[in-house]
Amino acid sequence: MQIPPIGTNPIAPVGGAASASAPAAGFGDTVGKALESVSAAENQADALAQRLAAGEDVGIHELMVATSKAQLSVEVLVQVRNKAVEAYQEIMRMQV
């Protein structure tokens, strides 16, 4: 994570000119980016495991960190999916 320089506002103003020019990312875009992030973490862990199996100079700690990161990413994604399904089911149970 990168820390913004002092004096800059990392939070976009609500209802200002910045929000009018840049469309807000939808739920689908956010989920798509999350899926890409999880996939990248898994690919990185797989690549490190293959390099270690091939005898390259890879620290076991690097592999363990990458594997744990990928596992946690998948677990968070599954929980978000579960909450989205629960919310959908709750909406479908509402009486109109």
C-alpha atoms as a PDB file:
ATOM      1  CA  MET A   1       0.000   0.000   0.000  1.00  0.00           C
ATOM      2  CA  GLN A   2       1.355   3.377  -0.933  1.00  0.00           C
ATOM      3  CA  ILE A   3       1.021   6.332   1.431  1.00  0.00           C
ATOM      4  CA  PRO A   4      -0.048   9.562  -0.298  1.00  0.00           C
ATOM      5  CA  PRO A   5       2.182  12.624   0.092  1.00  0.00           C
ATOM      6  CA  ILE A   6       1.377  15.078   2.863  1.00  0.00           C
ATOM      7  CA  GLY A   7      -1.152  17.678   1.825  1.00  0.00           C
ATOM      8  CA  THR A   8      -3.030  15.460  -0.648  1.00  0.00           C
ATOM      9  CA  ASN A   9      -6.545  14.237  -0.014  1.00  0.00           C
ATOM     10  CA  PRO A  10      -6.865  10.527  -0.905  1.00  0.00           C
ATOM     11  CA  ILE A  11     -10.639  10.676  -0.419  1.00  0.00           C
ATOM     12  CA  ALA A  12     -12.617  11.955  -3.394  1.00  0.00           C
ATOM     13  CA  PRO A  13     -15.168  14.670  -2.640  1.00  0.00           C
ATOM     14  CA  VAL A  14     -18.796  13.609  -2.570  1.00  0.00           C
ATOM     15  CA  GLY A  15     -20.925  15.213  -5.272  1.00  0.00           C
ATOM     16  CA  GLY A  16     -18.051  17.314  -6.598  1.00  0.00           C
ATOM     17  CA  ALA A  17     -16.636  17.723 -10.087  1.00  0.00           C
ATOM     18  CA  ALA A  18     -14.414  14.652  -9.646  1.00  0.00           C
ATOM     19  CA  SER A  19     -17.398  12.378  -9.095  1.00  0.00           C
ATOM     20  CA  ALA A  20     -19.212  13.746 -12.145  1.00  0.00           C
ATOM     21  CA  SER A  21     -16.316  13.120 -14.528  1.00  0.00           C
ATOM     22  CA  ALA A  22     -15.363   9.638 -13.312  1.00  0.00           C
ATOM     23  CA  PRO A  23     -18.130   7.026 -13.182  1.00  0.00           C
ATOM     24  CA  ALA A  24     -18.310   4.993  -9.993  1.00  0.00           C
ATOM     25  CA  ALA A  25     -17.270   1.368 -10.205  1.00  0.00           C
ATOM     26  CA  GLY A  26     -20.223  -0.976  -9.917  1.00  0.00           C
ATOM     27  CA  PHE A  27     -20.524  -4.111  -7.845  1.00  0.00           C
ATOM     28  CA  GLY A  28     -19.720  -6.268 -10.878  1.00  0.00           C
ATOM     29  CA  ASP A  29     -16.524  -4.333 -11.571  1.00  0.00           C
ATOM     30  CA  THR A  30     -15.461  -4.634  -7.951  1.00  0.00           C
ATOM     31  CA  VAL A  31     -16.096  -8.382  -7.913  1.00  0.00           C
ATOM     32  CA  GLY A  32     -14.247  -8.763 -11.220  1.00  0.00           C
ATOM     33  CA  LYS A  33     -11.204  -6.947  -9.845  1.00  0.00           C
ATOM     34  CA  ALA A  34     -11.328  -9.097  -6.704  1.00  0.00           C
ATOM     35  CA  LEU A  35     -11.405 -12.257  -8.826  1.00  0.00           C
ATOM     36  CA  GLU A  36      -8.410 -11.034 -10.806  1.00  0.00           C
ATOM     37  CA  SER A  37      -6.545 -10.300  -7.578  1.00  0.00           C
ATOM     38  CA  VAL A  38      -7.283 -13.772  -6.178  1.00  0.00           C
ATOM     39  CA  SER A  39      -6.225 -15.366  -9.447  1.00  0.00           C
ATOM     40  CA  ALA A  40      -2.967 -13.394  -9.455  1.00  0.00           C
ATOM     41  CA  ALA A  41      -2.201 -14.482  -5.876  1.00  0.00           C
ATOM     42  CA  GLU A  42      -2.842 -18.118  -6.788  1.00  0.00           C
ATOM     43  CA  ASN A  43      -0.697 -17.857  -9.928  1.00  0.00           C
ATOM     44  CA  GLN A  44       2.156 -16.322  -7.943  1.00  0.00           C
ATOM     45  CA  ALA A  45       2.010 -19.123  -5.351  1.00  0.00           C
ATOM     46  CA  ASP A  46       1.922 -21.754  -8.113  1.00  0.00           C
ATOM     47  CA  ALA A  47       4.885 -20.177  -9.885  1.00  0.00           C
ATOM     48  CA  LEU A  48       6.929 -20.127  -6.681  1.00  0.00           C
ATOM     49  CA  ALA A  49       6.050 -23.771  -5.961  1.00  0.00           C
ATOM     50  CA  GLN A  50       7.116 -24.781  -9.476  1.00  0.00           C
ATOM     51  CA  ARG A  51      10.378 -22.843  -9.147  1.00  0.00           C
ATOM     52  CA  LEU A  52      11.093 -24.511  -5.801  1.00  0.00           C
ATOM     53  CA  ALA A  53      10.309 -27.967  -7.251  1.00  0.00           C
ATOM     54  CA  ALA A  54      12.634 -27.248 -10.176  1.00  0.00           C
ATOM     55  CA  GLY A  55      15.487 -26.611  -7.747  1.00  0.00           C
ATOM     56  CA  GLU A  56      15.718 -22.850  -8.192  1.00  0.00           C
ATOM     57  CA  ASP A  57      16.822 -20.609  -5.346  1.00  0.00           C
ATOM     58  CA  VAL A  58      13.456 -19.824  -3.758  1.00  0.00           C
ATOM     59  CA  GLY A  59      13.086 -19.302  -0.045  1.00  0.00           C
ATOM     60  CA  ILE A  60      10.573 -21.591   1.591  1.00  0.00           C
ATOM     61  CA  HIS A  61       9.284 -18.588   3.522  1.00  0.00           C
ATOM     62  CA  GLU A  62       8.438 -16.835   0.241  1.00  0.00           C
ATOM     63  CA  LEU A  63       6.418 -19.842  -0.865  1.00  0.00           C
ATOM     64  CA  MET A  64       4.624 -20.092   2.478  1.00  0.00           C
ATOM     65  CA  VAL A  65       3.732 -16.384   2.470  1.00  0.00           C
ATOM     66  CA  ALA A  66       2.451 -16.547  -1.113  1.00  0.00           C
ATOM     67  CA  THR A  67       0.459 -19.710  -0.392  1.00  0.00           C
ATOM     68  CA  SER A  68      -1.074 -18.229   2.759  1.00  0.00           C
ATOM     69  CA  LYS A  69      -1.923 -15.030   0.907  1.00  0.00           C
ATOM     70  CA  ALA A  70      -3.659 -16.979  -1.856  1.00  0.00           C
ATOM     71  CA  GLN A  71      -5.551 -19.109   0.676  1.00  0.00           C
ATOM     72  CA  LEU A  72      -6.770 -16.075   2.614  1.00  0.00           C
ATOM     73  CA  SER A  73      -7.800 -14.356  -0.627  1.00  0.00           C
ATOM     74  CA  VAL A  74      -9.914 -17.344  -1.617  1.00  0.00           C
ATOM     75  CA  GLU A  75     -11.480 -17.540   1.855  1.00  0.00           C
ATOM     76  CA  VAL A  76     -12.416 -13.845   1.786  1.00  0.00           C
ATOM     77  CA  LEU A  77     -13.852 -14.200  -1.715  1.00  0.00           C
ATOM     78  CA  VAL A  78     -15.965 -17.174  -0.623  1.00  0.00           C
ATOM     79  CA  GLN A  79     -17.291 -15.231   2.364  1.00  0.00           C
ATOM     80  CA  VAL A  80     -18.198 -12.245   0.168  1.00  0.00           C
ATOM     81  CA  ARG A  81     -19.966 -14.603  -2.214  1.00  0.00           C
ATOM     82  CA  ASN A  82     -21.862 -16.185   0.692  1.00  0.00           C
ATOM     83  CA  LYS A  83     -22.969 -12.774   1.968  1.00  0.00           C
ATOM     84  CA  ALA A  84     -24.085 -11.729  -1.530  1.00  0.00           C
ATOM     85  CA  VAL A  85     -26.127 -14.923  -1.907  1.00  0.00           C
ATOM     86  CA  GLU A  86     -27.682 -14.400   1.537  1.00  0.00           C
ATOM     87  CA  ALA A  87     -28.592 -10.813   0.623  1.00  0.00           C
ATOM     88  CA  TYR A  88     -30.136 -11.961  -2.664  1.00  0.00           C
ATOM     89  CA  GLN A  89     -32.148 -14.638  -0.888  1.00  0.00           C
ATOM     90  CA  GLU A  90     -33.331 -12.108   1.699  1.00  0.00           C
ATOM     91  CA  ILE A  91     -34.465  -9.746  -1.062  1.00  0.00           C
ATOM     92  CA  MET A  92     -36.320 -12.573  -2.807  1.00  0.00           C
ATOM     93  CA  ARG A  93     -38.151 -13.384   0.446  1.00  0.00           C
ATOM     94  CA  MET A  94     -39.453  -9.808   0.773  1.00  0.00           C
ATOM     95  CA  GLN A  95     -43.146  -9.302   0.227  1.00  0.00           C
ATOM     96  CA  VAL A  96     -44.041  -6.700  -2.362  1.00  0.00           C
END
